[in-house]
PDB file of N, CA and C in Angstrom:
ATOM      1  N   UNK A   1       0.990  -1.342  -0.122  1.00  0.00           N
ATOM      2  CA  UNK A   1      -0.139  -0.028   0.035  1.00  0.00           C
ATOM      3  C   UNK A   1       1.108   1.242  -0.219  1.00  0.00           C
ATOM      4  N   UNK A   2       0.594   2.263  -0.786  1.00  0.00           N
ATOM      5  CA  UNK A   2       1.421   3.485  -0.728  1.00  0.00           C
ATOM      6  C   UNK A   2       0.540   4.606  -0.390  1.00  0.00           C
ATOM      7  N   UNK A   3       1.297   5.489   0.397  1.00  0.00           N
ATOM      8  CA  UNK A   3       0.523   6.646   1.029  1.00  0.00           C
ATOM      9  C   UNK A   3       0.577   8.027  -0.039  1.00  0.00           C
ATOM     10  N   UNK A   4       0.822   7.958  -1.306  1.00  0.00           N
ATOM     11  CA  UNK A   4       0.461   8.524  -2.287  1.00  0.00           C
ATOM     12  C   UNK A   4      -0.985   8.993  -2.319  1.00  0.00           C
ATOM     13  N   UNK A   5      -1.920   8.041  -1.947  1.00  0.00           N
ATOM     14  CA  UNK A   5      -3.313   8.492  -2.228  1.00  0.00           C
ATOM     15  C   UNK A   5      -3.744   9.622  -0.914  1.00  0.00           C
ATOM     16  N   UNK A   6      -2.722   9.613   0.089  1.00  0.00           N
ATOM     17  CA  UNK A   6      -3.244  10.884   1.122  1.00  0.00           C
ATOM     18  C   UNK A   6      -2.501  11.834   1.009  1.00  0.00           C
ATOM     19  N   UNK A   7      -1.830  11.992  -0.196  1.00  0.00           N
ATOM     20  CA  UNK A   7      -0.996  13.047  -0.214  1.00  0.00           C
ATOM     21  C   UNK A   7      -1.765  14.118  -1.163  1.00  0.00           C
ATOM     22  N   UNK A   8      -2.059  15.395  -0.871  1.00  0.00           N
ATOM     23  CA  UNK A   8      -2.782  16.271  -1.670  1.00  0.00           C
ATOM     24  C   UNK A   8      -2.124  17.885  -1.973  1.00  0.00           C
ATOM     25  N   UNK A   9      -2.440  18.342  -3.240  1.00  0.00           N
ATOM     26  CA  UNK A   9      -1.810  19.519  -3.272  1.00  0.00           C
ATOM     27  C   UNK A   9      -2.635  20.520  -2.663  1.00  0.00           C
ATOM     28  N   UNK A  10      -2.805  20.858  -1.479  1.00  0.00           N
ATOM     29  CA  UNK A  10      -3.562  21.846  -0.925  1.00  0.00           C
ATOM     30  C   UNK A  10      -2.828  22.729   0.141  1.00  0.00           C
ATOM     31  N   UNK A  11      -3.475  23.843   0.454  1.00  0.00           N
ATOM     32  CA  UNK A  11      -2.855  24.798   1.203  1.00  0.00           C
ATOM     33  C   UNK A  11      -3.368  24.720   2.592  1.00  0.00           C
ATOM     34  N   UNK A  12      -2.495  24.577   3.623  1.00  0.00           N
ATOM     35  CA  UNK A  12      -2.700  24.155   4.964  1.00  0.00           C
ATOM     36  C   UNK A  12      -3.504  25.417   5.290  1.00  0.00           C
ATOM     37  N   UNK A  13      -4.138  25.107   6.212  1.00  0.00           N
ATOM     38  CA  UNK A  13      -4.832  26.116   6.993  1.00  0.00           C
ATOM     39  C   UNK A  13      -3.812  26.694   8.033  1.00  0.00           C
ATOM     40  N   UNK A  14      -3.988  28.316   8.108  1.00  0.00           N
ATOM     41  CA  UNK A  14      -2.982  28.838   9.078  1.00  0.00           C
ATOM     42  C   UNK A  14      -3.500  28.858  10.614  1.00  0.00           C
ATOM     43  N   UNK A  15      -4.599  28.212  11.117  1.00  0.00           N
ATOM     44  CA  UNK A  15      -5.307  28.136  12.189  1.00  0.00           C
ATOM     45  C   UNK A  15      -3.922  27.334  13.339  1.00  0.00           C
ATOM     46  N   UNK A  16      -4.077  28.153  14.193  1.00  0.00           N
ATOM     47  CA  UNK A  16      -2.840  27.685  15.306  1.00  0.00           C
ATOM     48  C   UNK A  16      -3.756  27.361  16.471  1.00  0.00           C
ATOM     49  N   UNK A  17      -4.762  27.090  16.544  1.00  0.00           N
ATOM     50  CA  UNK A  17      -5.576  26.842  17.824  1.00  0.00           C
ATOM     51  C   UNK A  17      -5.693  27.923  18.779  1.00  0.00           C
ATOM     52  N   UNK A  18      -5.982  29.071  18.478  1.00  0.00           N
ATOM     53  CA  UNK A  18      -6.115  30.060  19.236  1.00  0.00           C
ATOM     54  C   UNK A  18      -7.137  30.730  18.574  1.00  0.00           C
ATOM     55  N   UNK A  19      -8.305  30.258  18.946  1.00  0.00           N
ATOM     56  CA  UNK A  19      -9.509  30.792  18.446  1.00  0.00           C
ATOM     57  C   UNK A  19     -10.561  31.912  19.064  1.00  0.00           C
ATOM     58  N   UNK A  20     -10.051  32.990  18.736  1.00  0.00           N
ATOM     59  CA  UNK A  20     -10.781  33.937  19.567  1.00  0.00           C
ATOM     60  C   UNK A  20     -10.750  35.137  18.505  1.00  0.00           C
ATOM     61  N   UNK A  21     -12.078  35.345  18.236  1.00  0.00           N
ATOM     62  CA  UNK A  21     -12.534  36.734  17.302  1.00  0.00           C
ATOM     63  C   UNK A  21     -12.403  38.084  18.203  1.00  0.00           C
ATOM     64  N   UNK A  22     -11.445  38.743  17.610  1.00  0.00           N
ATOM     65  CA  UNK A  22     -11.403  40.142  18.223  1.00  0.00           C
ATOM     66  C   UNK A  22     -12.577  40.983  17.709  1.00  0.00           C
ATOM     67  N   UNK A  23     -13.341  41.680  18.796  1.00  0.00           N
ATOM     68  CA  UNK A  23     -14.626  42.027  18.771  1.00  0.00           C
ATOM     69  C   UNK A  23     -14.861  43.323  17.970  1.00  0.00           C
ATOM     70  N   UNK A  24     -13.591  44.127  17.832  1.00  0.00           N
ATOM     71  CA  UNK A  24     -13.865  45.214  16.874  1.00  0.00           C
ATOM     72  C   UNK A  24     -13.443  44.955  15.604  1.00  0.00           C
ATOM     73  N   UNK A  25     -12.426  44.292  15.236  1.00  0.00           N
ATOM     74  CA  UNK A  25     -11.788  44.061  13.890  1.00  0.00           C
ATOM     75  C   UNK A  25     -12.239  42.789  13.234  1.00  0.00           C
ATOM     76  N   UNK A  26     -12.878  41.889  13.872  1.00  0.00           N
ATOM     77  CA  UNK A  26     -13.784  40.677  13.579  1.00  0.00           C
ATOM     78  C   UNK A  26     -12.828  39.870  12.813  1.00  0.00           C
ATOM     79  N   UNK A  27     -11.685  39.638  13.374  1.00  0.00           N
ATOM     80  CA  UNK A  27     -10.604  38.353  12.922  1.00  0.00           C
ATOM     81  C   UNK A  27     -10.082  37.805  13.979  1.00  0.00           C
ATOM     82  N   UNK A  28      -9.670  36.350  13.724  1.00  0.00           N
ATOM     83  CA  UNK A  28      -9.328  35.454  14.689  1.00  0.00           C
ATOM     84  C   UNK A  28      -8.066  36.049  15.104  1.00  0.00           C
ATOM     85  N   UNK A  29      -7.768  36.076  16.291  1.00  0.00           N
ATOM     86  CA  UNK A  29      -6.481  36.759  16.765  1.00  0.00           C
ATOM     87  C   UNK A  29      -5.330  35.801  16.648  1.00  0.00           C
ATOM     88  N   UNK A  30      -5.686  34.451  16.335  1.00  0.00           N
ATOM     89  CA  UNK A  30      -4.843  33.396  16.076  1.00  0.00           C
ATOM     90  C   UNK A  30      -4.216  33.114  14.718  1.00  0.00           C
ATOM     91  N   UNK A  31      -4.859  33.184  13.845  1.00  0.00           N
ATOM     92  CA  UNK A  31      -5.052  32.825  12.341  1.00  0.00           C
ATOM     93  C   UNK A  31      -5.052  34.159  11.669  1.00  0.00           C
ATOM     94  N   UNK A  32      -5.709  35.372  12.111  1.00  0.00           N
ATOM     95  CA  UNK A  32      -6.163  36.367  11.333  1.00  0.00           C
ATOM     96  C   UNK A  32      -6.900  36.374  10.314  1.00  0.00           C
ATOM     97  N   UNK A  33      -7.971  35.292  10.011  1.00  0.00           N
ATOM     98  CA  UNK A  33      -8.803  35.124   9.062  1.00  0.00           C
ATOM     99  C   UNK A  33     -10.239  35.605   9.624  1.00  0.00           C
ATOM    100  N   UNK A  34     -11.008  35.905   8.787  1.00  0.00           N
ATOM    101  CA  UNK A  34     -12.554  36.503   9.337  1.00  0.00           C
ATOM    102  C   UNK A  34     -13.335  34.871   9.569  1.00  0.00           C
ATOM    103  N   UNK A  35     -14.427  35.348  10.193  1.00  0.00           N
ATOM    104  CA  UNK A  35     -15.390  34.341  10.221  1.00  0.00           C
ATOM    105  C   UNK A  35     -15.860  33.447   8.863  1.00  0.00           C
ATOM    106  N   UNK A  36     -15.826  34.083   7.925  1.00  0.00           N
ATOM    107  CA  UNK A  36     -16.419  33.772   6.618  1.00  0.00           C
ATOM    108  C   UNK A  36     -15.319  32.915   6.046  1.00  0.00           C
ATOM    109  N   UNK A  37     -14.019  33.422   6.172  1.00  0.00           N
ATOM    110  CA  UNK A  37     -12.784  32.761   5.494  1.00  0.00           C
ATOM    111  C   UNK A  37     -12.651  31.451   6.545  1.00  0.00           C
ATOM    112  N   UNK A  38     -12.730  31.373   7.883  1.00  0.00           N
ATOM    113  CA  UNK A  38     -12.731  30.162   8.395  1.00  0.00           C
ATOM    114  C   UNK A  38     -13.666  29.194   8.212  1.00  0.00           C
ATOM    115  N   UNK A  39     -14.981  29.546   8.144  1.00  0.00           N
ATOM    116  CA  UNK A  39     -16.192  28.686   7.904  1.00  0.00           C
ATOM    117  C   UNK A  39     -15.905  28.112   6.492  1.00  0.00           C
ATOM    118  N   UNK A  40     -15.555  28.844   5.357  1.00  0.00           N
ATOM    119  CA  UNK A  40     -15.600  28.450   3.863  1.00  0.00           C
ATOM    120  C   UNK A  40     -14.250  27.951   3.458  1.00  0.00           C
ATOM    121  N   UNK A  41     -13.260  27.831   4.540  1.00  0.00           N
ATOM    122  CA  UNK A  41     -11.808  27.227   4.227  1.00  0.00           C
ATOM    123  C   UNK A  41     -12.139  26.061   3.272  1.00  0.00           C
ATOM    124  N   UNK A  42     -12.734  24.966   3.786  1.00  0.00           N
ATOM    125  CA  UNK A  42     -12.636  23.462   3.288  1.00  0.00           C
ATOM    126  C   UNK A  42     -13.275  23.726   1.861  1.00  0.00           C
ATOM    127  N   UNK A  43     -14.305  24.460   1.575  1.00  0.00           N
ATOM    128  CA  UNK A  43     -14.836  24.556   0.107  1.00  0.00           C
ATOM    129  C   UNK A  43     -13.824  25.455  -0.551  1.00  0.00           C
ATOM    130  N   UNK A  44     -12.885  26.086  -0.210  1.00  0.00           N
ATOM    131  CA  UNK A  44     -12.346  26.988  -1.231  1.00  0.00           C
ATOM    132  C   UNK A  44     -11.371  26.414  -2.170  1.00  0.00           C
ATOM    133  N   UNK A  45     -11.015  26.967  -3.320  1.00  0.00           N
ATOM    134  CA  UNK A  45      -9.993  26.449  -4.233  1.00  0.00           C
ATOM    135  C   UNK A  45      -8.506  26.805  -3.563  1.00  0.00           C
ATOM    136  N   UNK A  46      -7.679  26.134  -4.369  1.00  0.00           N
ATOM    137  CA  UNK A  46      -6.288  26.603  -3.930  1.00  0.00           C
ATOM    138  C   UNK A  46      -5.642  28.048  -4.001  1.00  0.00           C
ATOM    139  N   UNK A  47      -6.591  28.406  -5.234  1.00  0.00           N
ATOM    140  CA  UNK A  47      -5.899  29.877  -5.582  1.00  0.00           C
ATOM    141  C   UNK A  47      -6.705  30.770  -4.382  1.00  0.00           C
ATOM    142  N   UNK A  48      -7.903  30.671  -4.082  1.00  0.00           N
ATOM    143  CA  UNK A  48      -8.626  31.369  -3.142  1.00  0.00           C
ATOM    144  C   UNK A  48      -8.164  31.224  -1.844  1.00  0.00           C
ATOM    145  N   UNK A  49      -7.508  30.230  -1.543  1.00  0.00           N
ATOM    146  CA  UNK A  49      -6.646  29.840  -0.120  1.00  0.00           C
ATOM    147  C   UNK A  49      -5.338  30.645  -0.256  1.00  0.00           C
ATOM    148  N   UNK A  50      -4.686  30.652  -1.323  1.00  0.00           N
ATOM    149  CA  UNK A  50      -3.405  31.316  -1.532  1.00  0.00           C
ATOM    150  C   UNK A  50      -3.781  32.560  -1.596  1.00  0.00           C
ATOM    151  N   UNK A  51      -4.815  33.314  -1.979  1.00  0.00           N
ATOM    152  CA  UNK A  51      -4.816  34.635  -1.804  1.00  0.00           C
ATOM    153  C   UNK A  51      -5.205  35.046  -0.331  1.00  0.00           C
ATOM    154  N   UNK A  52      -5.983  34.382   0.449  1.00  0.00           N
ATOM    155  CA  UNK A  52      -6.169  34.692   1.645  1.00  0.00           C
ATOM    156  C   UNK A  52      -4.838  34.750   2.497  1.00  0.00           C
ATOM    157  N   UNK A  53      -3.917  33.592   2.207  1.00  0.00           N
ATOM    158  CA  UNK A  53      -2.780  33.353   3.045  1.00  0.00           C
ATOM    159  C   UNK A  53      -1.736  34.683   2.499  1.00  0.00           C
ATOM    160  N   UNK A  54      -1.738  35.120   1.638  1.00  0.00           N
ATOM    161  CA  UNK A  54      -0.945  36.122   0.957  1.00  0.00           C
ATOM    162  C   UNK A  54      -1.442  37.555   2.021  1.00  0.00           C
ATOM    163  N   UNK A  55      -2.356  37.642   2.038  1.00  0.00           N
ATOM    164  CA  UNK A  55      -2.954  38.864   2.980  1.00  0.00           C
ATOM    165  C   UNK A  55      -2.861  38.847   4.440  1.00  0.00           C
ATOM    166  N   UNK A  56      -2.793  37.547   5.090  1.00  0.00           N
ATOM    167  CA  UNK A  56      -2.792  37.752   6.466  1.00  0.00           C
ATOM    168  C   UNK A  56      -1.753  38.232   7.283  1.00  0.00           C
ATOM    169  N   UNK A  57      -0.434  38.424   6.850  1.00  0.00           N
ATOM    170  CA  UNK A  57       0.368  39.410   7.504  1.00  0.00           C
ATOM    171  C   UNK A  57       0.021  40.701   7.645  1.00  0.00           C
ATOM    172  N   UNK A  58      -0.554  41.093   6.510  1.00  0.00           N
ATOM    173  CA  UNK A  58      -1.027  42.757   6.615  1.00  0.00           C
ATOM    174  C   UNK A  58      -1.686  43.025   7.688  1.00  0.00           C
ATOM    175  N   UNK A  59      -2.724  41.922   8.196  1.00  0.00           N
ATOM    176  CA  UNK A  59      -3.681  42.105   9.136  1.00  0.00           C
ATOM    177  C   UNK A  59      -3.460  42.254  10.385  1.00  0.00           C
ATOM    178  N   UNK A  60      -2.069  41.782  10.807  1.00  0.00           N
ATOM    179  CA  UNK A  60      -1.736  41.530  12.104  1.00  0.00           C
ATOM    180  C   UNK A  60      -1.686  43.057  12.523  1.00  0.00           C
ATOM    181  N   UNK A  61      -1.127  44.261  12.085  1.00  0.00           N
ATOM    182  CA  UNK A  61      -0.876  45.440  12.770  1.00  0.00           C
ATOM    183  C   UNK A  61      -2.369  45.910  13.312  1.00  0.00           C
ATOM    184  N   UNK A  62      -3.417  45.494  12.557  1.00  0.00           N
ATOM    185  CA  UNK A  62      -4.971  45.739  13.112  1.00  0.00           C
ATOM    186  C   UNK A  62      -5.032  45.199  14.539  1.00  0.00           C
ATOM    187  N   UNK A  63      -4.534  44.413  15.007  1.00  0.00           N
ATOM    188  CA  UNK A  63      -4.670  43.627  16.331  1.00  0.00           C
ATOM    189  C   UNK A  63      -3.615  44.245  17.242  1.00  0.00           C
ATOM    190  N   UNK A  64      -2.813  44.963  16.892  1.00  0.00           N
ATOM    191  CA  UNK A  64      -1.665  45.494  17.756  1.00  0.00           C
ATOM    192  C   UNK A  64      -2.304  46.102  19.080  1.00  0.00           C
ATOM    193  N   UNK A  65      -1.777  45.582  20.210  1.00  0.00           N
ATOM    194  CA  UNK A  65      -2.043  46.022  21.545  1.00  0.00           C
ATOM    195  C   UNK A  65      -1.963  47.683  21.800  1.00  0.00           C
ATOM    196  N   UNK A  66      -2.870  48.340  21.876  1.00  0.00           N
ATOM    197  CA  UNK A  66      -2.735  49.674  22.075  1.00  0.00           C
ATOM    198  C   UNK A  66      -2.624  50.005  23.791  1.00  0.00           C
ATOM    199  N   UNK A  67      -1.861  50.999  24.046  1.00  0.00           N
ATOM    200  CA  UNK A  67      -1.982  51.449  25.563  1.00  0.00           C
ATOM    201  C   UNK A  67      -2.722  52.436  25.814  1.00  0.00           C
ATOM    202  N   UNK A  68      -3.321  52.432  27.010  1.00  0.00           N
ATOM    203  CA  UNK A  68      -4.580  53.526  27.228  1.00  0.00           C
ATOM    204  C   UNK A  68      -5.882  53.011  27.012  1.00  0.00           C
ATOM    205  N   UNK A  69      -6.799  53.586  27.735  1.00  0.00           N
ATOM    206  CA  UNK A  69      -8.028  53.195  27.432  1.00  0.00           C
ATOM    207  C   UNK A  69      -9.178  53.935  26.697  1.00  0.00           C
ATOM    208  N   UNK A  70      -8.457  55.241  26.314  1.00  0.00           N
ATOM    209  CA  UNK A  70      -9.389  56.256  25.634  1.00  0.00           C
ATOM    210  C   UNK A  70      -8.751  56.398  24.196  1.00  0.00           C
ATOM    211  N   UNK A  71      -9.623  56.800  23.256  1.00  0.00           N
ATOM    212  CA  UNK A  71      -9.251  56.791  21.930  1.00  0.00           C
ATOM    213  C   UNK A  71      -8.676  58.344  21.738  1.00  0.00           C
ATOM    214  N   UNK A  72      -7.974  58.474  20.896  1.00  0.00           N
ATOM    215  CA  UNK A  72      -7.455  59.760  20.765  1.00  0.00           C
ATOM    216  C   UNK A  72      -7.958  60.500  19.522  1.00  0.00           C
ATOM    217  N   UNK A  73      -8.278  61.797  19.739  1.00  0.00           N
ATOM    218  CA  UNK A  73      -8.940  62.648  18.758  1.00  0.00           C
ATOM    219  C   UNK A  73      -7.812  63.429  17.955  1.00  0.00           C
ATOM    220  N   UNK A  74      -7.809  63.602  16.731  1.00  0.00           N
ATOM    221  CA  UNK A  74      -6.662  64.744  16.260  1.00  0.00           C
ATOM    222  C   UNK A  74      -6.779  65.920  16.808  1.00  0.00           C
ATOM    223  N   UNK A  75      -5.641  66.670  16.903  1.00  0.00           N
ATOM    224  CA  UNK A  75      -5.579  67.947  17.420  1.00  0.00           C
ATOM    225  C   UNK A  75      -6.005  68.022  18.956  1.00  0.00           C
ATOM    226  N   UNK A  76      -5.928  66.860  19.589  1.00  0.00           N
ATOM    227  CA  UNK A  76      -6.100  66.727  21.270  1.00  0.00           C
ATOM    228  C   UNK A  76      -4.644  66.567  22.041  1.00  0.00           C
ATOM    229  N   UNK A  77      -3.791  67.267  21.561  1.00  0.00           N
ATOM    230  CA  UNK A  77      -2.576  67.249  22.172  1.00  0.00           C
ATOM    231  C   UNK A  77      -2.120  68.262  23.019  1.00  0.00           C
TER     232      UNK A  77
END
């Protein structure tokens, strides 16, 4: 028996098993995907998955922890 039948040309999920959705950004803080992307992952084509994977790093700054509890307004220095 060969293991070749178990090999697929698929893009691995970026899931790191830290499944928490950021309340404002609506992104998983573990893998940086949206709920729609997570739910639809198994039905996506390779190209769709690759497109998502290429954009994940750019989302990380949106989840950067900010110091302080108040939002700043422009000109309030």
